[in-house]
């Protein structure tokens, strides 16, 4: 039988990449798990980059490429969290280590 904490923590880690829903694991006890904390930080960085680039995304071609890149980073983050990996996101993942939770 699977460990219920493991599946809950995996769900919380995956939830960290869904924009504002990062607040759910951030405001619960799941943030005390190092695995979930890692993905919360990565999700926060992705959310911050998405918010900052919100206006650039509307610019033809450059913005569309940025939007595609952010979507790919989202998919990579969800796959890493669901598979139990703590791999930083390409390009922006290094900034997650600097966030103090």
C-alpha atoms as a PDB file:
ATOM      1  CA  UNK A   1       0.000   0.000   0.000  1.00  0.00           C
ATOM      2  CA  UNK A   2       1.265   3.469  -0.856  1.00  0.00           C
ATOM      3  CA  UNK A   3       2.195   5.903   1.859  1.00  0.00           C
ATOM      4  CA  UNK A   4      -0.688   8.434   2.104  1.00  0.00           C
ATOM      5  CA  UNK A   5       1.703  11.240   3.077  1.00  0.00           C
ATOM      6  CA  UNK A   6       3.753  10.546  -0.044  1.00  0.00           C
ATOM      7  CA  UNK A   7       0.734  10.865  -2.362  1.00  0.00           C
ATOM      8  CA  UNK A   8      -0.488  13.975  -0.531  1.00  0.00           C
ATOM      9  CA  UNK A   9       2.936  15.573  -0.748  1.00  0.00           C
ATOM     10  CA  UNK A  10       3.176  14.695  -4.435  1.00  0.00           C
ATOM     11  CA  UNK A  11      -0.204  16.328  -5.009  1.00  0.00           C
ATOM     12  CA  UNK A  12       0.906  19.430  -3.110  1.00  0.00           C
ATOM     13  CA  UNK A  13       4.144  19.544  -5.122  1.00  0.00           C
ATOM     14  CA  UNK A  14       2.212  19.313  -8.400  1.00  0.00           C
ATOM     15  CA  UNK A  15      -0.221  21.987  -7.204  1.00  0.00           C
ATOM     16  CA  UNK A  16       2.735  24.337  -6.727  1.00  0.00           C
ATOM     17  CA  UNK A  17       2.971  24.869 -10.485  1.00  0.00           C
ATOM     18  CA  UNK A  18      -0.649  25.914 -11.042  1.00  0.00           C
ATOM     19  CA  UNK A  19      -0.229  29.664 -10.659  1.00  0.00           C
ATOM     20  CA  UNK A  20      -1.970  31.164  -7.651  1.00  0.00           C
ATOM     21  CA  UNK A  21      -2.752  27.657  -6.368  1.00  0.00           C
ATOM     22  CA  UNK A  22       0.825  27.635  -5.062  1.00  0.00           C
ATOM     23  CA  UNK A  23      -0.733  29.260  -1.993  1.00  0.00           C
ATOM     24  CA  UNK A  24      -2.421  25.987  -1.006  1.00  0.00           C
ATOM     25  CA  UNK A  25       0.783  24.036  -0.265  1.00  0.00           C
ATOM     26  CA  UNK A  26       2.474  27.226   0.927  1.00  0.00           C
ATOM     27  CA  UNK A  27      -0.152  27.799   3.634  1.00  0.00           C
ATOM     28  CA  UNK A  28      -0.420  24.179   4.807  1.00  0.00           C
ATOM     29  CA  UNK A  29       1.894  21.901   6.766  1.00  0.00           C
ATOM     30  CA  UNK A  30       3.051  20.364   3.485  1.00  0.00           C
ATOM     31  CA  UNK A  31       5.559  23.211   3.177  1.00  0.00           C
ATOM     32  CA  UNK A  32       7.598  21.543   5.937  1.00  0.00           C
ATOM     33  CA  UNK A  33       8.417  18.632   3.617  1.00  0.00           C
ATOM     34  CA  UNK A  34      11.692  19.427   1.780  1.00  0.00           C
ATOM     35  CA  UNK A  35      10.331  17.887  -1.449  1.00  0.00           C
ATOM     36  CA  UNK A  36       7.217  20.076  -1.428  1.00  0.00           C
ATOM     37  CA  UNK A  37       9.221  23.128  -0.353  1.00  0.00           C
ATOM     38  CA  UNK A  38      11.526  22.687  -3.357  1.00  0.00           C
ATOM     39  CA  UNK A  39       8.554  22.629  -5.743  1.00  0.00           C
ATOM     40  CA  UNK A  40       6.848  25.555  -4.004  1.00  0.00           C
ATOM     41  CA  UNK A  41       9.967  27.638  -4.643  1.00  0.00           C
ATOM     42  CA  UNK A  42      10.110  26.557  -8.282  1.00  0.00           C
ATOM     43  CA  UNK A  43       6.404  27.289  -8.694  1.00  0.00           C
ATOM     44  CA  UNK A  44       6.781  30.731  -7.138  1.00  0.00           C
ATOM     45  CA  UNK A  45       9.600  31.594  -9.536  1.00  0.00           C
ATOM     46  CA  UNK A  46       7.486  30.438 -12.476  1.00  0.00           C
ATOM     47  CA  UNK A  47       4.532  32.510 -11.238  1.00  0.00           C
ATOM     48  CA  UNK A  48       6.698  35.609 -10.776  1.00  0.00           C
ATOM     49  CA  UNK A  49       8.170  35.248 -14.273  1.00  0.00           C
ATOM     50  CA  UNK A  50       4.683  34.746 -15.712  1.00  0.00           C
ATOM     51  CA  UNK A  51       3.344  37.874 -13.985  1.00  0.00           C
ATOM     52  CA  UNK A  52       6.341  39.981 -15.033  1.00  0.00           C
ATOM     53  CA  UNK A  53       6.077  38.787 -18.622  1.00  0.00           C
ATOM     54  CA  UNK A  54       2.304  39.235 -18.729  1.00  0.00           C
ATOM     55  CA  UNK A  55       2.462  42.208 -21.076  1.00  0.00           C
ATOM     56  CA  UNK A  56       5.251  40.824 -23.247  1.00  0.00           C
ATOM     57  CA  UNK A  57       3.180  37.732 -24.049  1.00  0.00           C
ATOM     58  CA  UNK A  58       0.772  39.927 -26.049  1.00  0.00           C
ATOM     59  CA  UNK A  59       3.565  41.062 -28.410  1.00  0.00           C
ATOM     60  CA  UNK A  60       3.449  39.015 -31.622  1.00  0.00           C
ATOM     61  CA  UNK A  61       6.137  36.386 -32.163  1.00  0.00           C
ATOM     62  CA  UNK A  62       8.449  37.309 -29.221  1.00  0.00           C
ATOM     63  CA  UNK A  63       5.597  37.158 -26.755  1.00  0.00           C
ATOM     64  CA  UNK A  64       4.237  33.966 -28.228  1.00  0.00           C
ATOM     65  CA  UNK A  65       7.618  32.296 -27.956  1.00  0.00           C
ATOM     66  CA  UNK A  66       7.875  33.419 -24.335  1.00  0.00           C
ATOM     67  CA  UNK A  67       4.392  32.062 -23.656  1.00  0.00           C
ATOM     68  CA  UNK A  68       5.342  28.716 -25.188  1.00  0.00           C
ATOM     69  CA  UNK A  69       8.550  28.645 -23.125  1.00  0.00           C
ATOM     70  CA  UNK A  70       6.619  29.318 -19.908  1.00  0.00           C
ATOM     71  CA  UNK A  71       4.111  26.591 -20.784  1.00  0.00           C
ATOM     72  CA  UNK A  72       6.955  24.126 -21.413  1.00  0.00           C
ATOM     73  CA  UNK A  73       8.513  25.052 -18.046  1.00  0.00           C
ATOM     74  CA  UNK A  74       5.106  24.469 -16.408  1.00  0.00           C
ATOM     75  CA  UNK A  75       4.878  21.004 -17.986  1.00  0.00           C
ATOM     76  CA  UNK A  76       8.451  20.139 -16.950  1.00  0.00           C
ATOM     77  CA  UNK A  77       7.705  21.225 -13.373  1.00  0.00           C
ATOM     78  CA  UNK A  78       4.523  19.172 -13.140  1.00  0.00           C
ATOM     79  CA  UNK A  79       6.253  16.085 -14.576  1.00  0.00           C
ATOM     80  CA  UNK A  80       9.186  16.475 -12.161  1.00  0.00           C
ATOM     81  CA  UNK A  81       6.860  16.865  -9.168  1.00  0.00           C
ATOM     82  CA  UNK A  82       4.639  13.952 -10.189  1.00  0.00           C
ATOM     83  CA  UNK A  83       7.629  11.663 -10.692  1.00  0.00           C
ATOM     84  CA  UNK A  84       9.251  12.618  -7.381  1.00  0.00           C
ATOM     85  CA  UNK A  85      12.246  14.456  -8.846  1.00  0.00           C
ATOM     86  CA  UNK A  86      13.826  17.611  -7.436  1.00  0.00           C
ATOM     87  CA  UNK A  87      15.256  18.902 -10.701  1.00  0.00           C
ATOM     88  CA  UNK A  88      15.401  22.704 -11.087  1.00  0.00           C
ATOM     89  CA  UNK A  89      13.520  24.181 -14.008  1.00  0.00           C
ATOM     90  CA  UNK A  90      15.727  25.132 -16.959  1.00  0.00           C
ATOM     91  CA  UNK A  91      16.686  28.830 -17.187  1.00  0.00           C
ATOM     92  CA  UNK A  92      14.720  30.067 -14.134  1.00  0.00           C
ATOM     93  CA  UNK A  93      15.115  27.232 -11.638  1.00  0.00           C
ATOM     94  CA  UNK A  94      18.301  28.630 -10.135  1.00  0.00           C
ATOM     95  CA  UNK A  95      16.343  31.550  -8.699  1.00  0.00           C
ATOM     96  CA  UNK A  96      14.151  29.202  -6.683  1.00  0.00           C
ATOM     97  CA  UNK A  97      17.071  28.319  -4.439  1.00  0.00           C
ATOM     98  CA  UNK A  98      17.310  31.958  -3.383  1.00  0.00           C
ATOM     99  CA  UNK A  99      13.735  32.102  -2.079  1.00  0.00           C
ATOM    100  CA  UNK A 100      13.558  31.660   1.673  1.00  0.00           C
ATOM    101  CA  UNK A 101      10.370  29.998   2.964  1.00  0.00           C
END
